[in-house]
Amino acid sequence: MGDLVDGGVAVPLSLDGHVVVTGAQTPAGRAVARGLAAAGAVVVALEDSPGAAAAPAEGPEDDDEGAGRRPLRVAVDLTTPDVLAAMSGGAAGTGPTGLDGAPAAVVHVALDSDLRAALATPAARRRERAEASVRAVVTAAAAAGAGRLVLVSSAMVHGALPDAPVPLPDDAPLLAAPDDGLVGDLLAVEDVWERAARALPGVPTAVLRPAAVVGPGVDTVVTRSFEVPRLLALRERAPVWQFCHTGDLADAVAVVLDRGLTGALGAGAEGVLPHEALERSSGLRSVELPARLAQATAERLARLGLLPTPAGDLAYVVHPWAVSSERLREAGWRPARSNEECLAVLLEGVAERRAGRRGAAGAPRLPREAALGAAGAAGAAVAVVATAAVLRQARARRGR
């Protein structure tokens, strides 16, 4: 194995076999595949394409900014047995990648970083595909003789609670609500993953749970909460923020593979960003409200069918869910981007999405996107609650 380099520089990898990265059609999965390739690994990037048999992916080549090696992109339906051919390359390298031999590792990126694409699929169907995908991937990995398995999930599965410790330890319990949203999908995936891992006692497994992910193209419930005029802060306790850049996430995966880490691992930027510092850095102002009022408003919007994701997602922008990254740091991982730098990347992405929507004003939109600007449950609730609070304050001033 190569020597680790601190400060976010790609970890030099020398593996006996190629690395398979699934979910490479999403910004997070694409970043992990690119990062591992830049570190020297031979990477097969599986892009989930419902109904497709394993075949080289079509479309523009990835721009790896000078990286000497690009991932081998394969389009395949991740819920089907075709995953095996895409992973192993087939007999004597006759598969779609032209590779031969067992993969050194399979990295299943279950974290969803493309909210618009996720919301385009009905919740029940999305959950069904998420569970079927992880089953098919683990089954194919075992059949292909993969050396180890890594699941990229999210620290959101720990839940966001007003009395949560800051930061959460790597082995913190999974306290998120098993709803029909994206966090519920991750809980279901982790449950399938855990049961499958127990059935493969000879294969080392790890679960990587990053903080709020940011990076080029990343679109999540958290990033959408910054698309509103005002931030929301609870009167009882101001939120704290922690992010994880996709480049640092890729480096974390490289450390997991290089050091042979197993079990649960958190990944986030150093420390946390207090809400006051976030306001200064972003230039956004906040509205302070009682927690009960904020949650009740989100639940009312959900009952009216005006939220594209569950009302419980509001918790992730008002309560803490920062992680310690203790085990990764002990192994030598150092995130290159601070929370402040991650926030700048997030805000740049928000500005690009706004510009894109203005440039495509006539493009068709999802019904619930049209209702509340695709802000997501957290963003939509923040927008409505904060606007209502501002109006109440204005009426109070006029009354005086």
Protein backbone atom coordinates (compact mmCIF):
# COMPACT_ATOMS: atom_id res chain seq x y z
CA MET A 1 0.00 0.00 0.00
CA GLY A 2 1.08 3.56 -0.59
CA ASP A 3 2.03 6.07 2.06
CA LEU A 4 -0.72 8.35 3.25
CA VAL A 5 -0.39 12.06 2.58
CA ASP A 6 -2.14 14.46 4.93
CA GLY A 7 -3.96 17.62 3.90
CA GLY A 8 -6.42 16.14 1.44
CA VAL A 9 -3.89 15.03 -1.16
CA ALA A 10 -5.08 11.87 -2.86
CA VAL A 11 -3.91 8.75 -1.05
CA PRO A 12 -1.59 6.72 -3.33
CA LEU A 13 -3.25 3.34 -3.78
CA SER A 14 -1.64 0.14 -4.96
CA LEU A 15 -4.23 -2.61 -4.91
CA ASP A 16 -4.21 -6.17 -6.16
CA GLY A 17 -7.12 -5.71 -8.53
CA HIS A 18 -9.50 -3.01 -9.62
CA VAL A 19 -11.99 -1.05 -7.51
CA VAL A 20 -15.68 -0.98 -8.39
CA VAL A 21 -17.63 2.17 -7.47
CA THR A 22 -21.42 2.10 -7.84
CA GLY A 23 -23.74 5.09 -7.99
CA ALA A 24 -21.28 6.85 -10.28
CA GLN A 25 -24.13 8.67 -12.05
CA THR A 26 -24.48 10.94 -8.97
CA PRO A 27 -22.12 13.80 -8.04
CA ALA A 28 -20.87 12.00 -4.90
CA GLY A 29 -20.35 8.66 -6.65
CA ARG A 30 -18.62 10.34 -9.58
CA ALA A 31 -16.29 12.20 -7.19
CA VAL A 32 -15.38 8.98 -5.35
CA ALA A 33 -14.63 7.20 -8.64
CA ARG A 34 -12.52 10.08 -9.92
CA GLY A 35 -10.67 10.45 -6.63
CA LEU A 36 -9.72 6.78 -6.45
CA ALA A 37 -8.59 6.85 -10.09
CA ALA A 38 -6.48 9.94 -9.40
CA ALA A 39 -4.91 8.04 -6.49
CA GLY A 40 -3.72 5.37 -8.91
CA ALA A 41 -6.43 2.73 -8.65
CA VAL A 42 -8.01 1.08 -11.68
CA VAL A 43 -11.64 2.08 -11.17
CA VAL A 44 -14.80 0.66 -12.72
CA ALA A 45 -17.52 3.28 -12.26
CA LEU A 46 -20.98 1.70 -12.45
CA GLU A 47 -23.69 4.18 -13.45
CA ASP A 48 -27.17 2.96 -12.53
CA SER A 49 -29.27 2.83 -15.68
CA PRO A 50 -32.65 1.10 -15.15
CA GLY A 51 -33.29 -1.53 -17.80
CA ALA A 52 -29.77 -1.45 -19.24
CA ALA A 53 -27.48 -4.44 -19.61
CA ALA A 54 -23.83 -3.91 -18.72
CA ALA A 55 -22.17 -1.82 -21.43
CA PRO A 56 -19.68 1.05 -21.69
CA ALA A 57 -21.40 4.29 -20.66
CA GLU A 58 -22.19 6.77 -23.39
CA GLY A 59 -21.90 10.52 -23.15
CA PRO A 60 -19.07 13.05 -22.65
CA GLU A 61 -15.84 11.91 -21.04
CA ASP A 62 -15.19 12.98 -17.45
CA ASP A 63 -12.91 15.98 -17.04
CA ASP A 64 -10.44 14.83 -14.40
CA GLU A 65 -8.40 18.03 -14.42
CA GLY A 66 -5.21 16.38 -15.56
CA ALA A 67 -5.56 13.09 -13.70
CA GLY A 68 -3.48 10.41 -15.39
CA ARG A 69 -6.17 7.75 -15.16
CA ARG A 70 -9.90 7.94 -15.78
CA PRO A 71 -12.55 5.62 -14.36
CA LEU A 72 -13.92 3.01 -16.75
CA ARG A 73 -17.59 3.97 -16.98
CA VAL A 74 -20.18 1.22 -17.30
CA ALA A 75 -23.95 1.72 -17.55
CA VAL A 76 -25.87 -1.11 -15.88
CA ASP A 77 -29.10 -1.71 -14.03
CA LEU A 78 -27.80 -2.11 -10.47
CA THR A 79 -30.84 -4.18 -9.47
CA THR A 80 -30.04 -7.02 -11.92
CA PRO A 81 -27.54 -9.90 -12.14
CA ASP A 82 -25.78 -7.96 -14.93
CA VAL A 83 -23.87 -6.21 -12.14
CA LEU A 84 -21.62 -9.26 -11.84
CA ALA A 85 -20.38 -9.01 -15.44
CA ALA A 86 -19.79 -5.28 -15.00
CA MET A 87 -17.78 -5.87 -11.82
CA SER A 88 -15.61 -8.79 -12.78
CA GLY A 89 -15.06 -8.07 -16.45
CA GLY A 90 -16.22 -11.54 -17.45
CA ALA A 91 -14.07 -14.51 -18.35
CA ALA A 92 -10.62 -13.57 -19.64
CA GLY A 93 -11.49 -9.90 -19.69
CA THR A 94 -14.34 -10.25 -22.18
CA GLY A 95 -16.78 -8.09 -20.22
CA PRO A 96 -17.65 -4.43 -20.84
CA THR A 97 -14.54 -3.17 -19.02
CA GLY A 98 -12.01 -5.45 -20.69
CA LEU A 99 -10.61 -6.28 -17.25
CA ASP A 100 -9.91 -9.69 -15.81
CA GLY A 101 -9.80 -10.96 -12.24
CA ALA A 102 -11.64 -10.24 -9.02
CA PRO A 103 -12.12 -6.68 -7.79
CA ALA A 104 -9.96 -5.65 -4.85
CA ALA A 105 -12.92 -3.76 -3.41
CA VAL A 106 -16.48 -2.74 -4.15
CA VAL A 107 -17.64 0.71 -2.98
CA HIS A 108 -21.42 1.10 -3.01
CA VAL A 109 -22.34 4.81 -2.94
CA ALA A 110 -25.89 4.81 -1.57
CA LEU A 111 -25.74 8.46 -0.52
CA ASP A 112 -28.04 10.40 -2.85
CA SER A 113 -26.53 13.70 -3.96
CA ASP A 114 -28.94 14.46 -6.82
CA LEU A 115 -32.19 15.48 -5.16
CA ARG A 116 -34.03 16.37 -8.35
CA ALA A 117 -33.38 12.92 -9.85
CA ALA A 118 -34.36 11.23 -6.60
CA LEU A 119 -37.66 13.11 -6.36
CA ALA A 120 -38.53 12.23 -9.95
CA THR A 121 -39.14 8.64 -8.78
CA PRO A 122 -42.12 7.81 -6.53
CA ALA A 123 -40.99 7.13 -2.96
CA ALA A 124 -42.07 3.47 -2.89
CA ARG A 125 -40.36 2.71 -6.19
CA ARG A 126 -37.21 4.56 -5.11
CA ARG A 127 -37.04 2.56 -1.87
CA GLU A 128 -37.58 -0.69 -3.77
CA ARG A 129 -34.70 0.08 -6.14
CA ALA A 130 -32.41 1.17 -3.30
CA GLU A 131 -32.90 -2.12 -1.46
CA ALA A 132 -32.72 -4.22 -4.63
CA SER A 133 -29.53 -2.44 -5.69
CA VAL A 134 -27.63 -3.11 -2.48
CA ARG A 135 -28.72 -6.78 -2.55
CA ALA A 136 -27.58 -7.19 -6.16
CA VAL A 137 -24.29 -5.36 -5.54
CA VAL A 138 -23.36 -7.40 -2.45
CA THR A 139 -24.37 -10.66 -4.16
CA ALA A 140 -22.31 -9.81 -7.25
CA ALA A 141 -19.35 -8.72 -5.11
CA ALA A 142 -19.38 -12.06 -3.29
CA ALA A 143 -19.65 -14.00 -6.56
CA ALA A 144 -16.84 -11.95 -8.11
CA GLY A 145 -14.56 -12.62 -5.14
CA ALA A 146 -14.25 -8.98 -4.06
CA GLY A 147 -11.63 -8.43 -1.37
CA ARG A 148 -13.65 -5.97 0.69
CA LEU A 149 -16.90 -3.99 0.69
CA VAL A 150 -17.47 -0.33 1.56
CA LEU A 151 -20.88 1.35 1.85
CA VAL A 152 -21.06 5.15 1.55
CA SER A 153 -24.15 6.22 3.47
CA SER A 154 -24.68 9.47 5.43
CA ALA A 155 -24.42 10.68 9.01
CA MET A 156 -28.07 11.65 8.62
CA VAL A 157 -28.96 8.09 9.67
CA HIS A 158 -27.91 9.05 13.21
CA GLY A 159 -30.82 11.50 13.26
CA ALA A 160 -30.72 15.20 14.15
CA LEU A 161 -31.82 15.76 17.73
CA PRO A 162 -31.79 18.88 19.95
CA ASP A 163 -29.78 17.08 22.65
CA ALA A 164 -27.42 15.19 20.34
CA PRO A 165 -23.75 15.19 21.42
CA VAL A 166 -21.40 17.34 19.33
CA PRO A 167 -19.67 15.62 17.70
CA LEU A 168 -21.27 12.19 17.34
CA PRO A 169 -18.93 9.22 17.85
CA ASP A 170 -18.40 6.81 14.97
CA ASP A 171 -20.54 4.17 16.67
CA ALA A 172 -23.44 6.46 17.56
CA PRO A 173 -26.85 4.74 17.31
CA LEU A 174 -29.02 5.18 14.22
CA LEU A 175 -31.89 7.29 15.55
CA ALA A 176 -33.30 8.78 12.33
CA ALA A 177 -37.00 8.26 11.67
CA PRO A 178 -37.67 5.40 9.21
CA ASP A 179 -39.91 7.56 7.00
CA ASP A 180 -40.52 7.41 3.25
CA GLY A 181 -37.82 9.98 2.45
CA LEU A 182 -34.19 9.70 1.42
CA VAL A 183 -32.98 9.19 4.99
CA GLY A 184 -35.47 6.34 5.34
CA ASP A 185 -34.00 4.89 2.15
CA LEU A 186 -30.52 4.95 3.69
CA LEU A 187 -31.75 3.25 6.85
CA ALA A 188 -33.29 0.51 4.71
CA VAL A 189 -30.08 0.15 2.68
CA GLU A 190 -27.96 -0.07 5.82
CA ASP A 191 -30.27 -2.76 7.21
CA VAL A 192 -29.91 -4.84 4.04
CA TRP A 193 -26.16 -4.20 4.02
CA GLU A 194 -25.72 -5.33 7.62
CA ARG A 195 -27.63 -8.57 7.04
CA ALA A 196 -25.71 -9.26 3.85
CA ALA A 197 -22.39 -8.56 5.57
CA ARG A 198 -23.21 -11.10 8.28
CA ALA A 199 -23.74 -13.67 5.54
CA LEU A 200 -20.19 -12.99 4.23
CA PRO A 201 -18.03 -13.45 7.34
CA GLY A 202 -14.80 -13.71 5.35
CA VAL A 203 -15.21 -10.35 3.55
CA PRO A 204 -14.19 -7.18 5.48
CA THR A 205 -16.89 -4.47 5.35
CA ALA A 206 -17.06 -0.81 6.31
CA VAL A 207 -19.80 1.85 6.42
CA LEU A 208 -18.69 5.45 5.79
CA ARG A 209 -21.11 8.15 6.99
CA PRO A 210 -20.13 11.67 5.91
CA ALA A 211 -21.54 14.93 7.25
CA ALA A 212 -23.55 17.19 4.92
CA VAL A 213 -21.91 16.62 1.54
CA VAL A 214 -21.03 19.53 -0.74
CA GLY A 215 -19.21 19.67 -4.05
CA PRO A 216 -19.72 20.30 -7.76
CA GLY A 217 -23.26 19.36 -8.77
CA VAL A 218 -24.28 18.19 -5.28
CA ASP A 219 -27.99 18.80 -4.64
CA THR A 220 -29.44 17.68 -1.29
CA VAL A 221 -31.99 18.62 1.33
CA VAL A 222 -29.25 20.56 3.15
CA THR A 223 -28.01 22.48 0.11
CA ARG A 224 -31.61 23.34 -0.82
CA SER A 225 -32.11 24.93 2.61
CA PHE A 226 -29.71 27.69 1.48
CA GLU A 227 -31.86 28.59 -1.53
CA VAL A 228 -34.21 30.65 0.62
CA PRO A 229 -34.01 34.36 1.59
CA ARG A 230 -33.69 33.67 5.33
CA LEU A 231 -32.07 30.95 7.42
CA LEU A 232 -33.97 29.41 10.30
CA ALA A 233 -32.64 29.29 13.86
CA LEU A 234 -34.50 27.81 16.80
CA ARG A 235 -35.00 29.94 19.87
CA GLU A 236 -34.06 27.05 22.14
CA ARG A 237 -30.67 26.30 20.56
CA ALA A 238 -28.84 27.76 17.59
CA PRO A 239 -27.75 25.10 15.08
CA VAL A 240 -24.16 24.16 14.32
CA TRP A 241 -23.01 23.09 10.87
CA GLN A 242 -20.54 20.57 9.53
CA PHE A 243 -19.83 19.68 5.92
CA CYS A 244 -17.81 17.15 3.94
CA HIS A 245 -16.48 18.01 0.49
CA THR A 246 -16.78 15.27 -2.13
CA GLY A 247 -13.02 15.42 -2.67
CA ASP A 248 -12.44 14.73 1.02
CA LEU A 249 -15.05 11.97 0.87
CA ALA A 250 -13.07 10.32 -1.94
CA ASP A 251 -9.89 10.62 0.14
CA ALA A 252 -11.74 9.03 3.09
CA VAL A 253 -12.71 6.05 0.93
CA ALA A 254 -9.07 5.75 -0.17
CA VAL A 255 -7.93 5.68 3.48
CA VAL A 256 -10.53 3.02 4.29
CA LEU A 257 -9.18 0.86 1.45
CA ASP A 258 -5.51 1.60 2.12
CA ARG A 259 -5.69 0.94 5.86
CA GLY A 260 -8.19 -1.90 5.66
CA LEU A 261 -10.62 -0.15 8.02
CA THR A 262 -13.87 -1.90 8.92
CA GLY A 263 -17.03 -1.04 10.80
CA ALA A 264 -18.66 2.39 11.13
CA LEU A 265 -16.72 5.56 10.29
CA GLY A 266 -17.82 9.20 10.26
CA ALA A 267 -16.27 11.79 7.94
CA GLY A 268 -16.55 15.55 8.24
CA ALA A 269 -14.57 18.77 8.13
CA GLU A 270 -12.65 19.79 11.23
CA GLY A 271 -14.90 20.96 14.06
CA VAL A 272 -18.23 22.69 13.51
CA LEU A 273 -19.36 26.05 12.18
CA PRO A 274 -21.52 28.00 14.67
CA HIS A 275 -24.66 29.51 13.20
CA GLU A 276 -23.40 33.04 13.80
CA ALA A 277 -20.25 32.31 11.81
CA LEU A 278 -22.36 30.80 9.04
CA GLU A 279 -24.40 33.99 8.86
CA ARG A 280 -21.24 36.08 8.57
CA SER A 281 -19.71 33.85 5.91
CA SER A 282 -22.85 33.49 3.82
CA GLY A 283 -24.25 36.99 4.22
CA LEU A 284 -27.65 35.42 4.96
CA ARG A 285 -29.82 36.58 7.85
CA SER A 286 -31.83 34.33 10.12
CA VAL A 287 -35.29 34.24 11.64
CA GLU A 288 -35.46 32.84 15.16
CA LEU A 289 -38.54 30.80 16.02
CA PRO A 290 -39.68 28.35 18.70
CA ALA A 291 -38.96 24.75 17.76
CA ARG A 292 -42.59 23.66 18.13
CA LEU A 293 -43.81 26.35 15.72
CA ALA A 294 -41.20 25.50 13.11
CA GLN A 295 -41.94 21.77 13.20
CA ALA A 296 -45.72 22.26 13.29
CA THR A 297 -45.52 24.41 10.16
CA ALA A 298 -43.44 21.79 8.35
CA GLU A 299 -45.89 19.06 9.32
CA ARG A 300 -48.83 21.15 8.11
CA LEU A 301 -47.12 21.67 4.75
CA ALA A 302 -46.50 17.94 4.52
CA ARG A 303 -50.18 17.13 5.22
CA LEU A 304 -51.16 19.52 2.45
CA GLY A 305 -48.83 17.69 0.06
CA LEU A 306 -46.64 20.75 -0.48
CA LEU A 307 -43.34 19.22 0.60
CA PRO A 308 -41.36 16.96 -1.73
CA THR A 309 -39.67 15.21 1.22
CA PRO A 310 -40.83 14.41 4.79
CA ALA A 311 -41.35 17.18 7.33
CA GLY A 312 -38.80 15.50 9.58
CA ASP A 313 -36.04 16.62 7.21
CA LEU A 314 -36.35 20.08 8.79
CA ALA A 315 -34.44 18.70 11.79
CA TYR A 316 -31.25 18.43 9.72
CA VAL A 317 -31.00 22.21 9.34
CA VAL A 318 -31.92 23.16 12.91
CA HIS A 319 -30.44 20.38 15.10
CA PRO A 320 -26.85 19.06 15.26
CA TRP A 321 -25.58 15.91 13.55
CA ALA A 322 -21.84 16.62 13.32
CA VAL A 323 -19.44 13.66 13.42
CA SER A 324 -16.05 13.21 15.07
CA SER A 325 -14.27 11.30 12.24
CA GLU A 326 -12.15 9.85 15.06
CA ARG A 327 -11.27 6.52 13.46
CA LEU A 328 -10.43 8.06 10.09
CA ARG A 329 -8.21 10.68 11.71
CA GLU A 330 -6.39 8.01 13.70
CA ALA A 331 -5.73 6.29 10.36
CA GLY A 332 -4.19 9.46 8.91
CA TRP A 333 -7.10 11.08 7.06
CA ARG A 334 -7.13 14.89 7.08
CA PRO A 335 -9.87 16.79 5.23
CA ALA A 336 -8.42 19.45 2.94
CA ARG A 337 -11.45 21.77 3.14
CA SER A 338 -12.65 23.60 6.23
CA ASN A 339 -16.33 24.08 6.99
CA GLU A 340 -16.01 27.68 5.78
CA GLU A 341 -14.53 26.54 2.47
CA CYS A 342 -17.23 23.89 2.10
CA LEU A 343 -19.89 26.55 2.73
CA ALA A 344 -18.41 28.66 -0.08
CA VAL A 345 -18.66 25.67 -2.43
CA LEU A 346 -22.26 25.07 -1.34
CA LEU A 347 -23.25 28.70 -1.97
CA GLU A 348 -21.55 28.65 -5.37
CA GLY A 349 -23.65 25.61 -6.28
CA VAL A 350 -26.81 27.35 -5.10
CA ALA A 351 -26.01 30.34 -7.33
CA GLU A 352 -25.41 28.05 -10.32
CA ARG A 353 -28.73 26.24 -9.82
CA ARG A 354 -30.59 29.54 -9.57
CA ALA A 355 -28.96 30.74 -12.78
CA GLY A 356 -29.81 27.46 -14.46
CA ARG A 357 -33.47 27.70 -13.47
CA ARG A 358 -33.64 31.26 -14.74
CA GLY A 359 -32.06 30.14 -18.00
CA ALA A 360 -34.60 27.33 -18.37
CA ALA A 361 -37.68 29.16 -17.19
CA GLY A 362 -39.83 27.31 -19.69
CA ALA A 363 -38.56 23.85 -18.82
CA PRO A 364 -41.06 21.37 -17.34
CA ARG A 365 -40.89 21.00 -13.57
CA LEU A 366 -42.08 18.45 -11.08
CA PRO A 367 -45.47 19.44 -9.59
CA ARG A 368 -44.07 19.84 -6.07
CA GLU A 369 -41.08 21.73 -7.44
CA ALA A 370 -43.46 24.22 -8.98
CA ALA A 371 -45.26 24.57 -5.66
CA LEU A 372 -42.26 25.53 -3.59
CA GLY A 373 -39.32 26.05 -5.90
CA ALA A 374 -37.88 22.56 -5.34
CA ALA A 375 -36.54 23.69 -1.99
CA GLY A 376 -36.99 20.30 -0.36
CA ALA A 377 -38.75 19.82 2.96
CA ALA A 378 -36.11 21.66 4.93
CA GLY A 379 -35.86 24.57 2.50
CA ALA A 380 -39.59 24.82 1.92
CA ALA A 381 -40.35 24.79 5.62
CA VAL A 382 -37.64 27.37 6.27
CA ALA A 383 -39.01 29.55 3.47
CA VAL A 384 -42.62 29.47 4.66
CA VAL A 385 -41.91 29.68 8.38
CA ALA A 386 -39.35 32.44 7.99
CA THR A 387 -41.61 34.46 5.67
CA ALA A 388 -44.50 34.14 8.11
CA ALA A 389 -42.27 35.32 10.95
CA VAL A 390 -41.07 38.35 8.99
CA LEU A 391 -44.66 39.30 8.15
CA ARG A 392 -45.69 38.99 11.81
CA GLN A 393 -42.78 41.19 12.84
CA ALA A 394 -43.69 43.78 10.21
CA ARG A 395 -47.33 43.84 11.36
CA ALA A 396 -46.19 44.24 14.97
CA ARG A 397 -44.02 47.24 14.04
CA ARG A 398 -46.88 48.85 12.13
CA GLY A 399 -49.20 48.26 15.09
CA ARG A 400 -46.81 50.13 17.38
